[in-house]
């Protein structure tokens, strides 16, 4: 965000002040290498997108986790869930079938003793 504001002509000091950060924290964060988790996430994201695309966008977290494990990728379900959220991917949610038991409704049980 600070990079975006800096590109628009605002100074880093002003942007940090607005966001409530110190400039030293900004520069320290910028200089710090990416974490091992982030590096692993960047490796997994294309694999998750690939499996999701192969399924036609229907697979959810559990199926994608199983597919990755079958491919030899050791990954936790919660990791796949988090990364799918970051990527904006969702599995298809099956619609529940509604049951209408009003008398005369299609699929309703026949009327009998004690039933209207």
Protein backbone atom coordinates (compact mmCIF):
# COMPACT_ATOMS: atom_id res chain seq x y z
CA UNK A 1 0.00 0.00 0.00
CA UNK A 2 2.81 2.38 0.85
CA UNK A 3 4.46 1.54 -2.49
CA UNK A 4 1.22 2.47 -4.24
CA UNK A 5 1.00 5.80 -2.41
CA UNK A 6 4.66 6.50 -3.08
CA UNK A 7 4.09 5.92 -6.80
CA UNK A 8 1.26 8.48 -6.67
CA UNK A 9 3.67 11.11 -5.39
CA UNK A 10 3.18 10.92 -1.61
CA UNK A 11 6.23 10.54 0.59
CA UNK A 12 6.94 7.37 2.53
CA UNK A 13 7.01 9.35 5.78
CA UNK A 14 3.54 10.78 5.23
CA UNK A 15 2.08 7.41 4.18
CA UNK A 16 3.55 5.74 7.27
CA UNK A 17 2.19 8.51 9.49
CA UNK A 18 -1.32 8.09 8.04
CA UNK A 19 -1.16 4.31 8.53
CA UNK A 20 0.29 4.62 12.03
CA UNK A 21 3.62 2.97 11.21
CA UNK A 22 7.15 4.11 11.73
CA UNK A 23 9.35 4.61 8.71
CA UNK A 24 12.00 2.32 10.18
CA UNK A 25 9.45 -0.50 10.45
CA UNK A 26 8.48 0.00 6.81
CA UNK A 27 12.08 -0.15 5.60
CA UNK A 28 12.90 -3.11 7.87
CA UNK A 29 9.93 -5.03 6.49
CA UNK A 30 10.85 -4.13 2.93
CA UNK A 31 14.41 -5.38 3.41
CA UNK A 32 13.42 -8.62 5.18
CA UNK A 33 13.45 -11.75 3.01
CA UNK A 34 10.22 -13.63 2.45
CA UNK A 35 9.38 -16.24 5.06
CA UNK A 36 9.61 -19.98 4.43
CA UNK A 37 5.81 -20.17 4.68
CA UNK A 38 5.36 -17.54 1.98
CA UNK A 39 7.85 -19.28 -0.31
CA UNK A 40 6.03 -22.60 0.16
CA UNK A 41 2.68 -20.88 -0.45
CA UNK A 42 3.97 -19.54 -3.75
CA UNK A 43 4.91 -23.07 -4.79
CA UNK A 44 1.52 -24.49 -3.78
CA UNK A 45 -0.69 -21.81 -5.33
CA UNK A 46 -0.15 -22.87 -8.97
CA UNK A 47 -0.68 -26.52 -8.03
CA UNK A 48 -3.96 -25.70 -6.27
CA UNK A 49 -5.12 -23.61 -9.24
CA UNK A 50 -4.21 -26.46 -11.60
CA UNK A 51 -6.13 -29.12 -9.66
CA UNK A 52 -9.11 -26.76 -9.30
CA UNK A 53 -9.09 -26.04 -13.05
CA UNK A 54 -8.77 -29.75 -13.93
CA UNK A 55 -11.91 -30.46 -11.93
CA UNK A 56 -13.81 -27.77 -13.81
CA UNK A 57 -13.90 -25.62 -10.68
CA UNK A 58 -15.95 -28.16 -8.75
CA UNK A 59 -13.43 -29.49 -6.23
CA UNK A 60 -13.39 -28.06 -2.74
CA UNK A 61 -10.70 -28.02 -0.08
CA UNK A 62 -10.87 -31.68 0.90
CA UNK A 63 -10.75 -33.03 -2.65
CA UNK A 64 -7.94 -30.71 -3.68
CA UNK A 65 -5.96 -31.74 -0.60
CA UNK A 66 -6.45 -35.42 -1.49
CA UNK A 67 -5.49 -34.80 -5.13
CA UNK A 68 -2.29 -33.01 -4.09
CA UNK A 69 -1.37 -35.83 -1.72
CA UNK A 70 -1.90 -38.36 -4.52
CA UNK A 71 0.55 -36.30 -6.59
CA UNK A 72 3.09 -36.58 -3.78
CA UNK A 73 2.69 -33.09 -2.33
CA UNK A 74 2.56 -33.17 1.47
CA UNK A 75 0.09 -30.44 2.41
CA UNK A 76 -2.37 -29.83 5.21
CA UNK A 77 -6.06 -29.21 4.61
CA UNK A 78 -5.97 -25.92 6.50
CA UNK A 79 -3.14 -24.71 4.24
CA UNK A 80 -5.16 -25.51 1.12
CA UNK A 81 -8.17 -23.79 2.68
CA UNK A 82 -6.18 -20.63 3.43
CA UNK A 83 -4.59 -20.50 -0.02
CA UNK A 84 -7.88 -21.13 -1.81
CA UNK A 85 -9.28 -18.17 0.10
CA UNK A 86 -6.36 -16.00 -1.01
CA UNK A 87 -6.83 -17.14 -4.62
CA UNK A 88 -10.59 -16.60 -4.46
CA UNK A 89 -11.34 -20.24 -5.35
CA UNK A 90 -14.36 -22.15 -4.12
CA UNK A 91 -15.71 -25.59 -4.71
CA UNK A 92 -19.24 -26.07 -5.93
CA UNK A 93 -21.77 -26.22 -3.13
CA UNK A 94 -24.50 -28.71 -3.85
CA UNK A 95 -28.01 -27.38 -3.47
CA UNK A 96 -30.05 -29.17 -0.87
CA UNK A 97 -33.24 -30.68 -2.13
CA UNK A 98 -36.26 -29.15 -0.48
CA UNK A 99 -39.05 -31.46 0.55
CA UNK A 100 -42.56 -30.15 0.40
CA UNK A 101 -44.98 -32.19 2.49
CA UNK A 102 -48.08 -30.09 1.96
CA UNK A 103 -51.07 -32.12 0.94
CA UNK A 104 -51.29 -32.43 -2.81
CA UNK A 105 -47.74 -31.22 -3.43
CA UNK A 106 -45.65 -33.18 -5.90
CA UNK A 107 -43.67 -35.81 -4.00
CA UNK A 108 -45.72 -35.46 -0.82
CA UNK A 109 -46.71 -38.65 0.95
CA UNK A 110 -50.27 -39.72 0.30
CA UNK A 111 -52.95 -38.55 2.66
CA UNK A 112 -53.93 -41.12 5.22
CA UNK A 113 -55.59 -41.48 8.58
CA UNK A 114 -54.72 -38.52 10.75
CA UNK A 115 -53.30 -36.59 7.80
CA UNK A 116 -55.18 -33.84 6.05
